[in-house]
Protein backbone atom coordinates (compact mmCIF):
# COMPACT_ATOMS: atom_id res chain seq x y z
CA MET A 1 -41.61 -31.65 -63.50
CA LYS A 2 -40.86 -30.92 -67.17
CA ILE A 3 -38.00 -28.52 -67.82
CA ILE A 4 -36.29 -27.05 -70.86
CA ILE A 5 -32.94 -25.33 -70.49
CA ASP A 6 -31.67 -22.67 -72.86
CA THR A 7 -28.22 -23.01 -74.35
CA ASN A 8 -26.96 -19.91 -72.53
CA ILE A 9 -27.70 -21.60 -69.19
CA VAL A 10 -25.90 -24.80 -70.21
CA LEU A 11 -22.89 -22.78 -71.37
CA SER A 12 -22.84 -20.62 -68.23
CA ALA A 13 -23.17 -23.72 -66.04
CA ILE A 14 -20.13 -25.35 -67.59
CA TYR A 15 -18.04 -22.28 -68.32
CA ARG A 16 -18.70 -20.17 -65.20
CA GLY A 17 -20.52 -22.26 -62.60
CA GLY A 18 -22.63 -20.42 -60.02
CA LYS A 19 -26.43 -20.45 -60.15
CA PRO A 20 -26.60 -21.78 -63.72
CA ARG A 21 -24.51 -24.79 -62.68
CA ARG A 22 -26.60 -25.37 -59.56
CA ALA A 23 -29.78 -25.21 -61.66
CA LEU A 24 -28.41 -27.58 -64.32
CA VAL A 25 -27.04 -30.09 -61.81
CA TYR A 26 -30.34 -30.02 -59.91
CA CYS A 27 -32.15 -30.85 -63.16
CA LEU A 28 -29.68 -33.62 -63.99
CA GLU A 29 -29.76 -35.24 -60.56
CA THR A 30 -33.34 -34.82 -59.32
CA ASP A 31 -35.62 -37.77 -59.99
CA SER A 32 -38.77 -35.65 -60.18
CA VAL A 33 -37.26 -33.56 -62.99
CA ARG A 34 -37.45 -34.55 -66.62
CA LEU A 35 -35.37 -32.49 -69.01
CA HIS A 36 -36.74 -32.21 -72.52
CA ILE A 37 -34.58 -31.66 -75.60
CA SER A 38 -34.88 -31.94 -79.35
CA GLU A 39 -32.24 -32.88 -81.90
CA GLU A 40 -32.04 -29.24 -82.91
CA ILE A 41 -31.48 -28.09 -79.32
CA LEU A 42 -28.92 -30.82 -78.70
CA THR A 43 -27.05 -29.79 -81.84
CA GLU A 44 -27.03 -26.17 -80.66
CA TYR A 45 -25.72 -27.18 -77.22
CA ARG A 46 -22.86 -29.10 -78.82
CA GLU A 47 -22.02 -26.37 -81.36
CA VAL A 48 -21.99 -23.56 -78.80
CA LEU A 49 -20.00 -25.50 -76.19
CA SER A 50 -17.45 -26.42 -78.87
CA ARG A 51 -16.73 -22.84 -79.94
CA PRO A 52 -12.99 -22.15 -79.65
CA LYS A 53 -13.54 -18.89 -77.75
CA PHE A 54 -14.83 -20.83 -74.73
CA GLN A 55 -11.79 -23.13 -74.67
CA LEU A 56 -13.75 -26.11 -73.36
CA SER A 57 -12.04 -29.40 -74.09
CA ALA A 58 -13.80 -31.94 -76.28
CA ILE A 59 -13.86 -34.27 -73.27
CA THR A 60 -15.61 -31.65 -71.12
CA VAL A 61 -18.20 -31.01 -73.84
CA ASP A 62 -18.79 -34.74 -74.35
CA VAL A 63 -19.16 -35.42 -70.60
CA TRP A 64 -21.77 -32.69 -70.15
CA ILE A 65 -23.65 -33.55 -73.35
CA ASP A 66 -23.70 -37.22 -72.34
CA ARG A 67 -25.06 -36.30 -68.89
CA ILE A 68 -27.81 -34.24 -70.50
CA ILE A 69 -28.73 -36.95 -73.00
CA LYS A 70 -28.79 -39.62 -70.30
CA VAL A 71 -31.58 -37.95 -68.31
CA SER A 72 -33.48 -36.14 -71.06
CA LEU A 73 -36.51 -37.05 -73.09
CA LEU A 74 -35.88 -36.47 -76.77
CA SER A 75 -38.79 -35.06 -78.75
CA THR A 76 -38.54 -35.69 -82.46
CA THR A 77 -41.73 -34.25 -83.92
CA ILE A 78 -42.08 -30.60 -83.05
CA PRO A 79 -44.33 -28.38 -85.15
CA PRO A 80 -42.60 -25.13 -86.07
CA LEU A 81 -43.45 -21.99 -84.15
CA GLU A 82 -43.01 -18.42 -85.28
CA PHE A 83 -41.06 -16.24 -82.86
CA PRO A 84 -40.12 -13.15 -84.88
CA ARG A 85 -38.13 -11.56 -82.07
CA ASP A 86 -35.41 -14.22 -82.43
CA ARG A 87 -36.13 -17.02 -84.90
CA LYS A 88 -33.25 -19.19 -83.68
CA ASP A 89 -34.89 -19.35 -80.24
CA ALA A 90 -38.25 -20.54 -81.58
CA LYS A 91 -37.15 -24.18 -81.15
CA PHE A 92 -37.18 -23.78 -77.35
CA LEU A 93 -40.66 -22.26 -77.31
CA ALA A 94 -41.98 -24.89 -79.72
CA LEU A 95 -40.66 -27.67 -77.49
CA ALA A 96 -42.08 -25.99 -74.37
CA ARG A 97 -45.47 -25.88 -76.07
CA VAL A 98 -45.36 -29.49 -77.28
CA VAL A 99 -44.36 -30.97 -73.91
CA SER A 100 -46.30 -28.45 -71.77
CA ALA A 101 -43.13 -27.63 -69.87
CA ASP A 102 -43.38 -26.44 -66.29
CA PHE A 103 -40.21 -24.37 -66.55
CA PHE A 104 -38.04 -22.87 -69.26
CA ILE A 105 -34.76 -21.74 -67.72
CA THR A 106 -33.00 -19.01 -69.68
CA GLY A 107 -30.70 -16.06 -69.25
CA ASP A 108 -32.06 -14.44 -72.42
CA SER A 109 -34.31 -11.39 -72.07
CA ASP A 110 -35.60 -11.96 -75.64
CA PHE A 111 -38.23 -14.25 -74.19
CA SER A 112 -40.24 -11.42 -72.62
CA ASP A 113 -42.77 -11.79 -75.49
CA ALA A 114 -42.80 -15.56 -75.25
CA PRO A 115 -45.66 -16.41 -72.86
CA LYS A 116 -48.26 -16.06 -75.58
CA HIS A 117 -46.35 -18.67 -77.60
CA ILE A 118 -46.15 -21.49 -75.05
CA ALA A 119 -48.30 -23.46 -72.65
CA ALA A 120 -50.13 -21.44 -70.01
CA ASN A 121 -48.41 -23.33 -67.18
CA THR A 122 -44.84 -22.73 -68.41
CA LEU A 123 -42.82 -20.34 -66.26
CA ILE A 124 -39.86 -18.64 -67.92
CA LEU A 125 -37.21 -18.13 -65.26
CA SER A 126 -33.58 -17.15 -64.93
CA ALA A 127 -31.23 -19.62 -63.26
CA SER A 128 -31.30 -17.46 -60.11
CA ASP A 129 -35.10 -17.39 -60.03
CA PHE A 130 -35.27 -21.13 -60.66
CA CYS A 131 -32.82 -21.78 -57.80
CA ALA A 132 -34.89 -19.57 -55.51
CA THR A 133 -38.14 -21.29 -56.56
CA MET A 134 -36.69 -24.75 -55.98
CA GLN A 135 -34.79 -23.60 -52.86
CA ILE A 136 -31.45 -24.68 -54.28
CA ASP A 137 -28.53 -23.32 -52.25
């Protein structure tokens, strides 16, 4: 199962817990799951998690980033994709298209126009919907 996780889910998982954390931990610890990231996405994860307003320690950020890197497949050549609704989110859709992701987990409603931009089999789900689909308690 190929999965891409939006930055807002990673942040919510670490900062708040709940369904986003259950979804992220499931993806990190389930052998049948393969997380996909790009350098650009990894950079965004690190930058957002390191923002002073979230008050996450450098150790906490490093531990979570290291966990993500350890189980993820890094894609390096990703053709650009136009997503006018939010250009900074185009990197997630481009990666989903390149790897033919099964799931893109996001808390962002900006992706309502996204299905025409990614692989036909990619489901865009919230953390709650992903947990329900995978039957994660």
